[in-house]
Amino acid sequence: MAKTLYAEFTVKPGSEDRVAGMMRELTDRVREEPGNQLFLPYTRESNPREYFVFEVYRDDDAFREHITADYGAVFNAELTEHIEEDGSVLTWLEPLA
């Protein structure tokens, strides 16, 4: 069964350009993962410092491969310097049909 989630975080003032660049690079890498089905980063229209990233992975194994990727660890380590939260806030989703 697919693993579906969204991640949210708020970028600190002054870090907008750096995080946008980091997200573009991460998006390219994640979309190359064989188990990734969707990776869609957004910013909130009313507040572009608020990020919302919708993610779908083929299954639990594909998600585990994603979270253990070296480039993801590097991204998350730097991201914590640039966001208001301690890390991305994850919400897991279940399909209705």
PDB file of N, CA and C in Angstrom:
ATOM      1  N   MET A   1       0.837  -1.178   0.000  1.00  0.00           N
ATOM      2  CA  MET A   1       0.000   0.000   0.000  1.00  0.00           C
ATOM      3  C   MET A   1       0.886   1.246   0.000  1.00  0.00           C
ATOM      4  N   ALA A   2       0.490   2.251  -0.745  1.00  0.00           N
ATOM      5  CA  ALA A   2       1.259   3.489  -0.849  1.00  0.00           C
ATOM      6  C   ALA A   2       1.333   4.199   0.507  1.00  0.00           C
ATOM      7  N   LYS A   3       2.461   4.867   0.745  1.00  0.00           N
ATOM      8  CA  LYS A   3       2.646   5.714   1.926  1.00  0.00           C
ATOM      9  C   LYS A   3       2.450   7.149   1.453  1.00  0.00           C
ATOM     10  N   THR A   4       1.460   7.823   2.039  1.00  0.00           N
ATOM     11  CA  THR A   4       1.115   9.179   1.626  1.00  0.00           C
ATOM     12  C   THR A   4       1.180  10.096   2.838  1.00  0.00           C
ATOM     13  N   LEU A   5       1.779  11.244   2.647  1.00  0.00           N
ATOM     14  CA  LEU A   5       1.930  12.198   3.742  1.00  0.00           C
ATOM     15  C   LEU A   5       2.095  13.599   3.199  1.00  0.00           C
ATOM     16  N   TYR A   6       2.003  14.547   4.110  1.00  0.00           N
ATOM     17  CA  TYR A   6       2.466  15.888   3.768  1.00  0.00           C
ATOM     18  C   TYR A   6       3.332  16.399   4.898  1.00  0.00           C
ATOM     19  N   ALA A   7       4.272  17.227   4.504  1.00  0.00           N
ATOM     20  CA  ALA A   7       5.199  17.854   5.444  1.00  0.00           C
ATOM     21  C   ALA A   7       4.961  19.353   5.399  1.00  0.00           C
ATOM     22  N   GLU A   8       5.025  19.983   6.564  1.00  0.00           N
ATOM     23  CA  GLU A   8       4.842  21.429   6.638  1.00  0.00           C
ATOM     24  C   GLU A   8       5.956  22.036   7.470  1.00  0.00           C
ATOM     25  N   PHE A   9       6.354  23.239   7.103  1.00  0.00           N
ATOM     26  CA  PHE A   9       7.306  24.006   7.899  1.00  0.00           C
ATOM     27  C   PHE A   9       7.229  25.467   7.483  1.00  0.00           C
ATOM     28  N   THR A  10       7.734  26.338   8.358  1.00  0.00           N
ATOM     29  CA  THR A  10       7.723  27.774   8.113  1.00  0.00           C
ATOM     30  C   THR A  10       9.157  28.279   8.097  1.00  0.00           C
ATOM     31  N   VAL A  11       9.534  28.923   7.023  1.00  0.00           N
ATOM     32  CA  VAL A  11      10.889  29.427   6.841  1.00  0.00           C
ATOM     33  C   VAL A  11      11.072  30.725   7.644  1.00  0.00           C
ATOM     34  N   LYS A  12      12.213  30.835   8.292  1.00  0.00           N
ATOM     35  CA  LYS A  12      12.542  32.053   9.034  1.00  0.00           C
ATOM     36  C   LYS A  12      12.752  33.209   8.050  1.00  0.00           C
ATOM     37  N   PRO A  13      12.370  34.422   8.449  1.00  0.00           N
ATOM     38  CA  PRO A  13      12.631  35.578   7.585  1.00  0.00           C
ATOM     39  C   PRO A  13      14.123  35.664   7.255  1.00  0.00           C
ATOM     40  N   GLY A  14      14.408  35.917   5.995  1.00  0.00           N
ATOM     41  CA  GLY A  14      15.786  36.020   5.539  1.00  0.00           C
ATOM     42  C   GLY A  14      16.328  34.729   4.942  1.00  0.00           C
ATOM     43  N   SER A  15      15.644  33.613   5.158  1.00  0.00           N
ATOM     44  CA  SER A  15      16.101  32.317   4.629  1.00  0.00           C
ATOM     45  C   SER A  15      15.295  31.862   3.417  1.00  0.00           C
ATOM     46  N   GLU A  16      14.417  32.702   2.929  1.00  0.00           N
ATOM     47  CA  GLU A  16      13.509  32.302   1.850  1.00  0.00           C
ATOM     48  C   GLU A  16      14.263  31.798   0.616  1.00  0.00           C
ATOM     49  N   ASP A  17      15.254  32.547   0.144  1.00  0.00           N
ATOM     50  CA  ASP A  17      15.956  32.159  -1.073  1.00  0.00           C
ATOM     51  C   ASP A  17      16.746  30.865  -0.880  1.00  0.00           C
ATOM     52  N   ARG A  18      17.394  30.730   0.265  1.00  0.00           N
ATOM     53  CA  ARG A  18      18.185  29.518   0.515  1.00  0.00           C
ATOM     54  C   ARG A  18      17.286  28.284   0.550  1.00  0.00           C
ATOM     55  N   VAL A  19      16.171  28.357   1.256  1.00  0.00           N
ATOM     56  CA  VAL A  19      15.282  27.200   1.359  1.00  0.00           C
ATOM     57  C   VAL A  19      14.652  26.887  -0.001  1.00  0.00           C
ATOM     58  N   ALA A  20      14.299  27.890  -0.760  1.00  0.00           N
ATOM     59  CA  ALA A  20      13.737  27.644  -2.096  1.00  0.00           C
ATOM     60  C   ALA A  20      14.740  26.875  -2.959  1.00  0.00           C
ATOM     61  N   GLY A  21      15.995  27.256  -2.900  1.00  0.00           N
ATOM     62  CA  GLY A  21      17.028  26.542  -3.650  1.00  0.00           C
ATOM     63  C   GLY A  21      17.216  25.122  -3.148  1.00  0.00           C
ATOM     64  N   MET A  22      17.207  24.959  -1.840  1.00  0.00           N
ATOM     65  CA  MET A  22      17.329  23.624  -1.254  1.00  0.00           C
ATOM     66  C   MET A  22      16.171  22.734  -1.694  1.00  0.00           C
ATOM     67  N   MET A  23      14.971  23.287  -1.708  1.00  0.00           N
ATOM     68  CA  MET A  23      13.789  22.504  -2.089  1.00  0.00           C
ATOM     69  C   MET A  23      13.839  22.106  -3.560  1.00  0.00           C
ATOM     70  N   ARG A  24      14.311  22.993  -4.420  1.00  0.00           N
ATOM     71  CA  ARG A  24      14.416  22.644  -5.841  1.00  0.00           C
ATOM     72  C   ARG A  24      15.379  21.463  -6.025  1.00  0.00           C
ATOM     73  N   GLU A  25      16.514  21.522  -5.334  1.00  0.00           N
ATOM     74  CA  GLU A  25      17.503  20.446  -5.434  1.00  0.00           C
ATOM     75  C   GLU A  25      16.948  19.137  -4.857  1.00  0.00           C
ATOM     76  N   LEU A  26      16.323  19.221  -3.684  1.00  0.00           N
ATOM     77  CA  LEU A  26      15.750  18.019  -3.077  1.00  0.00           C
ATOM     78  C   LEU A  26      14.664  17.421  -3.959  1.00  0.00           C
ATOM     79  N   THR A  27      13.823  18.249  -4.523  1.00  0.00           N
ATOM     80  CA  THR A  27      12.736  17.774  -5.381  1.00  0.00           C
ATOM     81  C   THR A  27      13.285  16.955  -6.540  1.00  0.00           C
ATOM     82  N   ASP A  28      14.326  17.455  -7.188  1.00  0.00           N
ATOM     83  CA  ASP A  28      14.933  16.716  -8.295  1.00  0.00           C
ATOM     84  C   ASP A  28      15.435  15.352  -7.836  1.00  0.00           C
ATOM     85  N   ARG A  29      16.087  15.304  -6.679  1.00  0.00           N
ATOM     86  CA  ARG A  29      16.646  14.043  -6.173  1.00  0.00           C
ATOM     87  C   ARG A  29      15.539  13.062  -5.786  1.00  0.00           C
ATOM     88  N   VAL A  30      14.528  13.539  -5.059  1.00  0.00           N
ATOM     89  CA  VAL A  30      13.467  12.641  -4.598  1.00  0.00           C
ATOM     90  C   VAL A  30      12.684  12.076  -5.787  1.00  0.00           C
ATOM     91  N   ARG A  31      12.418  12.896  -6.772  1.00  0.00           N
ATOM     92  CA  ARG A  31      11.662  12.424  -7.937  1.00  0.00           C
ATOM     93  C   ARG A  31      12.418  11.358  -8.723  1.00  0.00           C
ATOM     94  N   GLU A  32      13.727  11.239  -8.519  1.00  0.00           N
ATOM     95  CA  GLU A  32      14.521  10.196  -9.163  1.00  0.00           C
ATOM     96  C   GLU A  32      14.476   8.874  -8.393  1.00  0.00           C
ATOM     97  N   GLU A  33      13.999   8.905  -7.149  1.00  0.00           N
ATOM     98  CA  GLU A  33      13.925   7.678  -6.355  1.00  0.00           C
ATOM     99  C   GLU A  33      12.948   6.709  -7.019  1.00  0.00           C
ATOM    100  N   PRO A  34      13.338   5.434  -7.172  1.00  0.00           N
ATOM    101  CA  PRO A  34      12.446   4.489  -7.857  1.00  0.00           C
ATOM    102  C   PRO A  34      11.096   4.303  -7.166  1.00  0.00           C
ATOM    103  N   GLY A  35      11.029   4.470  -5.840  1.00  0.00           N
ATOM    104  CA  GLY A  35       9.780   4.265  -5.123  1.00  0.00           C
ATOM    105  C   GLY A  35       8.947   5.513  -4.924  1.00  0.00           C
ATOM    106  N   ASN A  36       9.436   6.649  -5.403  1.00  0.00           N
ATOM    107  CA  ASN A  36       8.664   7.882  -5.256  1.00  0.00           C
ATOM    108  C   ASN A  36       7.635   7.981  -6.369  1.00  0.00           C
ATOM    109  N   GLN A  37       6.397   8.258  -5.984  1.00  0.00           N
ATOM    110  CA  GLN A  37       5.335   8.423  -6.972  1.00  0.00           C
ATOM    111  C   GLN A  37       4.958   9.884  -7.165  1.00  0.00           C
ATOM    112  N   LEU A  38       5.026  10.666  -6.087  1.00  0.00           N
ATOM    113  CA  LEU A  38       4.755  12.114  -6.166  1.00  0.00           C
ATOM    114  C   LEU A  38       5.586  12.827  -5.124  1.00  0.00           C
ATOM    115  N   PHE A  39       6.109  13.966  -5.488  1.00  0.00           N
ATOM    116  CA  PHE A  39       6.774  14.857  -4.541  1.00  0.00           C
ATOM    117  C   PHE A  39       6.485  16.262  -5.035  1.00  0.00           C
ATOM    118  N   LEU A  40       5.550  16.924  -4.359  1.00  0.00           N
ATOM    119  CA  LEU A  40       5.033  18.212  -4.831  1.00  0.00           C
ATOM    120  C   LEU A  40       5.188  19.275  -3.748  1.00  0.00           C
ATOM    121  N   PRO A  41       6.223  20.097  -3.838  1.00  0.00           N
ATOM    122  CA  PRO A  41       6.390  21.165  -2.851  1.00  0.00           C
ATOM    123  C   PRO A  41       5.603  22.418  -3.259  1.00  0.00           C
ATOM    124  N   TYR A  42       4.989  23.033  -2.266  1.00  0.00           N
ATOM    125  CA  TYR A  42       4.221  24.260  -2.461  1.00  0.00           C
ATOM    126  C   TYR A  42       4.575  25.257  -1.369  1.00  0.00           C
ATOM    127  N   THR A  43       4.304  26.529  -1.666  1.00  0.00           N
ATOM    128  CA  THR A  43       4.276  27.536  -0.609  1.00  0.00           C
ATOM    129  C   THR A  43       2.854  28.063  -0.537  1.00  0.00           C
ATOM    130  N   ARG A  44       2.488  28.516   0.652  1.00  0.00           N
ATOM    131  CA  ARG A  44       1.134  29.059   0.839  1.00  0.00           C
ATOM    132  C   ARG A  44       1.040  30.394   0.094  1.00  0.00           C
ATOM    133  N   GLU A  45      -0.012  30.562  -0.665  1.00  0.00           N
ATOM    134  CA  GLU A  45      -0.192  31.786  -1.457  1.00  0.00           C
ATOM    135  C   GLU A  45      -0.206  33.024  -0.576  1.00  0.00           C
ATOM    136  N   SER A  46      -0.844  32.937   0.580  1.00  0.00           N
ATOM    137  CA  SER A  46      -0.962  34.098   1.465  1.00  0.00           C
ATOM    138  C   SER A  46       0.290  34.326   2.319  1.00  0.00           C
ATOM    139  N   ASN A  47       1.193  33.332   2.373  1.00  0.00           N
ATOM    140  CA  ASN A  47       2.428  33.475   3.142  1.00  0.00           C
ATOM    141  C   ASN A  47       3.484  32.547   2.533  1.00  0.00           C
ATOM    142  N   PRO A  48       4.311  33.048   1.604  1.00  0.00           N
ATOM    143  CA  PRO A  48       5.260  32.189   0.908  1.00  0.00           C
ATOM    144  C   PRO A  48       6.365  31.603   1.788  1.00  0.00           C
ATOM    145  N   ARG A  49       6.422  31.981   3.051  1.00  0.00           N
ATOM    146  CA  ARG A  49       7.377  31.344   3.971  1.00  0.00           C
ATOM    147  C   ARG A  49       6.840  30.024   4.513  1.00  0.00           C
ATOM    148  N   GLU A  50       5.544  29.752   4.321  1.00  0.00           N
ATOM    149  CA  GLU A  50       4.937  28.502   4.787  1.00  0.00           C
ATOM    150  C   GLU A  50       4.952  27.482   3.650  1.00  0.00           C
ATOM    151  N   TYR A  51       5.605  26.344   3.900  1.00  0.00           N
ATOM    152  CA  TYR A  51       5.749  25.283   2.914  1.00  0.00           C
ATOM    153  C   TYR A  51       4.808  24.129   3.230  1.00  0.00           C
ATOM    154  N   PHE A  52       4.344  23.493   2.162  1.00  0.00           N
ATOM    155  CA  PHE A  52       3.503  22.313   2.227  1.00  0.00           C
ATOM    156  C   PHE A  52       4.032  21.368   1.148  1.00  0.00           C
ATOM    157  N   VAL A  53       4.464  20.171   1.534  1.00  0.00           N
ATOM    158  CA  VAL A  53       5.042  19.228   0.582  1.00  0.00           C
ATOM    159  C   VAL A  53       4.215  17.947   0.613  1.00  0.00           C
ATOM    160  N   PHE A  54       3.558  17.633  -0.504  1.00  0.00           N
ATOM    161  CA  PHE A  54       2.738  16.439  -0.629  1.00  0.00           C
ATOM    162  C   PHE A  54       3.608  15.327  -1.206  1.00  0.00           C
ATOM    163  N   GLU A  55       3.620  14.163  -0.549  1.00  0.00           N
ATOM    164  CA  GLU A  55       4.522  13.080  -0.932  1.00  0.00           C
ATOM    165  C   GLU A  55       3.777  11.744  -0.982  1.00  0.00           C
ATOM    166  N   VAL A  56       4.067  10.950  -2.006  1.00  0.00           N
ATOM    167  CA  VAL A  56       3.520   9.600  -2.112  1.00  0.00           C
ATOM    168  C   VAL A  56       4.662   8.666  -2.514  1.00  0.00           C
ATOM    169  N   TYR A  57       4.782   7.591  -1.758  1.00  0.00           N
ATOM    170  CA  TYR A  57       5.788   6.557  -2.024  1.00  0.00           C
ATOM    171  C   TYR A  57       5.079   5.241  -2.287  1.00  0.00           C
ATOM    172  N   ARG A  58       5.685   4.395  -3.080  1.00  0.00           N
ATOM    173  CA  ARG A  58       5.090   3.123  -3.502  1.00  0.00           C
ATOM    174  C   ARG A  58       4.614   2.288  -2.323  1.00  0.00           C
ATOM    175  N   ASP A  59       5.440   2.206  -1.257  1.00  0.00           N
ATOM    176  CA  ASP A  59       5.115   1.381  -0.099  1.00  0.00           C
ATOM    177  C   ASP A  59       6.053   1.750   1.053  1.00  0.00           C
ATOM    178  N   ASP A  60       5.970   0.999   2.152  1.00  0.00           N
ATOM    179  CA  ASP A  60       6.818   1.268   3.320  1.00  0.00           C
ATOM    180  C   ASP A  60       8.301   1.191   2.977  1.00  0.00           C
ATOM    181  N   ASP A  61       8.684   0.191   2.187  1.00  0.00           N
ATOM    182  CA  ASP A  61      10.090   0.051   1.823  1.00  0.00           C
ATOM    183  C   ASP A  61      10.589   1.259   1.038  1.00  0.00           C
ATOM    184  N   ALA A  62       9.783   1.744   0.117  1.00  0.00           N
ATOM    185  CA  ALA A  62      10.171   2.921  -0.673  1.00  0.00           C
ATOM    186  C   ALA A  62      10.317   4.141   0.228  1.00  0.00           C
ATOM    187  N   PHE A  63       9.434   4.279   1.202  1.00  0.00           N
ATOM    188  CA  PHE A  63       9.560   5.415   2.123  1.00  0.00           C
ATOM    189  C   PHE A  63      10.809   5.272   2.975  1.00  0.00           C
ATOM    190  N   ARG A  64      11.099   4.056   3.447  1.00  0.00           N
ATOM    191  CA  ARG A  64      12.322   3.838   4.232  1.00  0.00           C
ATOM    192  C   ARG A  64      13.564   4.194   3.425  1.00  0.00           C
ATOM    193  N   GLU A  65      13.579   3.822   2.147  1.00  0.00           N
ATOM    194  CA  GLU A  65      14.701   4.187   1.273  1.00  0.00           C
ATOM    195  C   GLU A  65      14.817   5.699   1.172  1.00  0.00           C
ATOM    196  N   HIS A  66      13.675   6.363   1.084  1.00  0.00           N
ATOM    197  CA  HIS A  66      13.669   7.825   0.997  1.00  0.00           C
ATOM    198  C   HIS A  66      14.272   8.451   2.256  1.00  0.00           C
ATOM    199  N   ILE A  67      13.811   8.034   3.420  1.00  0.00           N
ATOM    200  CA  ILE A  67      14.261   8.703   4.645  1.00  0.00           C
ATOM    201  C   ILE A  67      15.685   8.326   5.044  1.00  0.00           C
ATOM    202  N   THR A  68      16.247   7.305   4.434  1.00  0.00           N
ATOM    203  CA  THR A  68      17.629   6.947   4.744  1.00  0.00           C
ATOM    204  C   THR A  68      18.618   7.439   3.686  1.00  0.00           C
ATOM    205  N   ALA A  69      18.121   8.138   2.673  1.00  0.00           N
ATOM    206  CA  ALA A  69      19.012   8.675   1.633  1.00  0.00           C
ATOM    207  C   ALA A  69      19.940   9.731   2.235  1.00  0.00           C
ATOM    208  N   ASP A  70      21.216   9.662   1.882  1.00  0.00           N
ATOM    209  CA  ASP A  70      22.202  10.604   2.413  1.00  0.00           C
ATOM    210  C   ASP A  70      21.830  12.058   2.142  1.00  0.00           C
ATOM    211  N   TYR A  71      21.366  12.350   0.941  1.00  0.00           N
ATOM    212  CA  TYR A  71      21.048  13.733   0.592  1.00  0.00           C
ATOM    213  C   TYR A  71      19.872  14.264   1.406  1.00  0.00           C
ATOM    214  N   GLY A  72      18.969  13.383   1.826  1.00  0.00           N
ATOM    215  CA  GLY A  72      17.861  13.806   2.679  1.00  0.00           C
ATOM    216  C   GLY A  72      18.336  14.207   4.058  1.00  0.00           C
ATOM    217  N   ALA A  73      19.289  13.470   4.594  1.00  0.00           N
ATOM    218  CA  ALA A  73      19.852  13.807   5.907  1.00  0.00           C
ATOM    219  C   ALA A  73      20.563  15.151   5.858  1.00  0.00           C
ATOM    220  N   VAL A  74      21.297  15.400   4.787  1.00  0.00           N
ATOM    221  CA  VAL A  74      21.987  16.686   4.627  1.00  0.00           C
ATOM    222  C   VAL A  74      20.963  17.814   4.535  1.00  0.00           C
ATOM    223  N   PHE A  75      19.916  17.599   3.741  1.00  0.00           N
ATOM    224  CA  PHE A  75      18.855  18.600   3.596  1.00  0.00           C
ATOM    225  C   PHE A  75      18.213  18.907   4.945  1.00  0.00           C
ATOM    226  N   ASN A  76      17.802  17.863   5.674  1.00  0.00           N
ATOM    227  CA  ASN A  76      17.108  18.074   6.951  1.00  0.00           C
ATOM    228  C   ASN A  76      17.993  18.740   7.991  1.00  0.00           C
ATOM    229  N   ALA A  77      19.265  18.409   8.000  1.00  0.00           N
ATOM    230  CA  ALA A  77      20.181  19.034   8.955  1.00  0.00           C
ATOM    231  C   ALA A  77      20.281  20.535   8.700  1.00  0.00           C
ATOM    232  N   GLU A  78      20.399  20.920   7.444  1.00  0.00           N
ATOM    233  CA  GLU A  78      20.484  22.352   7.140  1.00  0.00           C
ATOM    234  C   GLU A  78      19.130  23.029   7.301  1.00  0.00           C
ATOM    235  N   LEU A  79      18.062  22.332   6.937  1.00  0.00           N
ATOM    236  CA  LEU A  79      16.730  22.929   7.019  1.00  0.00           C
ATOM    237  C   LEU A  79      16.425  23.418   8.433  1.00  0.00           C
ATOM    238  N   THR A  80      16.813  22.653   9.447  1.00  0.00           N
ATOM    239  CA  THR A  80      16.495  23.042  10.824  1.00  0.00           C
ATOM    240  C   THR A  80      17.090  24.394  11.194  1.00  0.00           C
ATOM    241  N   GLU A  81      18.141  24.808  10.501  1.00  0.00           N
ATOM    242  CA  GLU A  81      18.735  26.128  10.745  1.00  0.00           C
ATOM    243  C   GLU A  81      17.872  27.254  10.173  1.00  0.00           C
ATOM    244  N   HIS A  82      17.018  26.917   9.215  1.00  0.00           N
ATOM    245  CA  HIS A  82      16.289  27.928   8.446  1.00  0.00           C
ATOM    246  C   HIS A  82      14.787  27.951   8.693  1.00  0.00           C
ATOM    247  N   ILE A  83      14.283  27.097   9.589  1.00  0.00           N
ATOM    248  CA  ILE A  83      12.835  27.072   9.809  1.00  0.00           C
ATOM    249  C   ILE A  83      12.499  27.333  11.270  1.00  0.00           C
ATOM    250  N   GLU A  84      11.263  27.720  11.501  1.00  0.00           N
ATOM    251  CA  GLU A  84      10.808  28.059  12.850  1.00  0.00           C
ATOM    252  C   GLU A  84      10.577  26.832  13.721  1.00  0.00           C
ATOM    253  N   GLU A  85      10.184  25.715  13.125  1.00  0.00           N
ATOM    254  CA  GLU A  85       9.934  24.489  13.870  1.00  0.00           C
ATOM    255  C   GLU A  85      11.260  23.759  14.110  1.00  0.00           C
ATOM    256  N   ASP A  86      11.208  22.711  14.934  1.00  0.00           N
ATOM    257  CA  ASP A  86      12.403  21.886  15.155  1.00  0.00           C
ATOM    258  C   ASP A  86      12.705  20.998  13.950  1.00  0.00           C
ATOM    259  N   GLY A  87      11.739  20.799  13.099  1.00  0.00           N
ATOM    260  CA  GLY A  87      11.858  19.986  11.896  1.00  0.00           C
ATOM    261  C   GLY A  87      10.537  20.026  11.163  1.00  0.00           C
ATOM    262  N   SER A  88      10.482  19.387  10.012  1.00  0.00           N
ATOM    263  CA  SER A  88       9.224  19.318   9.269  1.00  0.00           C
ATOM    264  C   SER A  88       8.171  18.606  10.111  1.00  0.00           C
ATOM    265  N   VAL A  89       6.953  19.126  10.068  1.00  0.00           N
ATOM    266  CA  VAL A  89       5.832  18.493  10.760  1.00  0.00           C
ATOM    267  C   VAL A  89       5.153  17.577   9.745  1.00  0.00           C
ATOM    268  N   LEU A  90       5.131  16.261  10.033  1.00  0.00           N
ATOM    269  CA  LEU A  90       4.589  15.282   9.104  1.00  0.00           C
ATOM    270  C   LEU A  90       3.169  14.886   9.491  1.00  0.00           C
ATOM    271  N   THR A  91       2.320  14.758   8.482  1.00  0.00           N
ATOM    272  CA  THR A  91       0.954  14.269   8.657  1.00  0.00           C
ATOM    273  C   THR A  91       0.763  13.108   7.713  1.00  0.00           C
ATOM    274  N   TRP A  92       0.434  11.943   8.280  1.00  0.00           N
ATOM    275  CA  TRP A  92       0.210  10.736   7.473  1.00  0.00           C
ATOM    276  C   TRP A  92      -1.233  10.681   7.026  1.00  0.00           C
ATOM    277  N   LEU A  93      -1.459  10.258   5.791  1.00  0.00           N
ATOM    278  CA  LEU A  93      -2.799  10.227   5.210  1.00  0.00           C
ATOM    279  C   LEU A  93      -3.204   8.800   4.869  1.00  0.00           C
ATOM    280  N   GLU A  94      -4.494   8.520   5.007  1.00  0.00           N
ATOM    281  CA  GLU A  94      -5.097   7.227   4.637  1.00  0.00           C
ATOM    282  C   GLU A  94      -6.104   7.477   3.529  1.00  0.00           C
ATOM    283  N   PRO A  95      -6.117   6.635   2.495  1.00  0.00           N
ATOM    284  CA  PRO A  95      -7.097   6.829   1.424  1.00  0.00           C
ATOM    285  C   PRO A  95      -8.520   6.502   1.880  1.00  0.00           C
ATOM    286  N   LEU A  96      -9.480   7.199   1.332  1.00  0.00           N
ATOM    287  CA  LEU A  96     -10.889   6.927   1.637  1.00  0.00           C
ATOM    288  C   LEU A  96     -11.455   5.860   0.718  1.00  0.00           C
ATOM    289  N   ALA A  97     -10.928   5.760  -0.455  1.00  0.00           N
ATOM    290  CA  ALA A  97     -11.469   4.768  -1.414  1.00  0.00           C
ATOM    291  C   ALA A  97     -10.336   4.082  -2.135  1.00  0.00           C
TER     292      ALA A  97
END
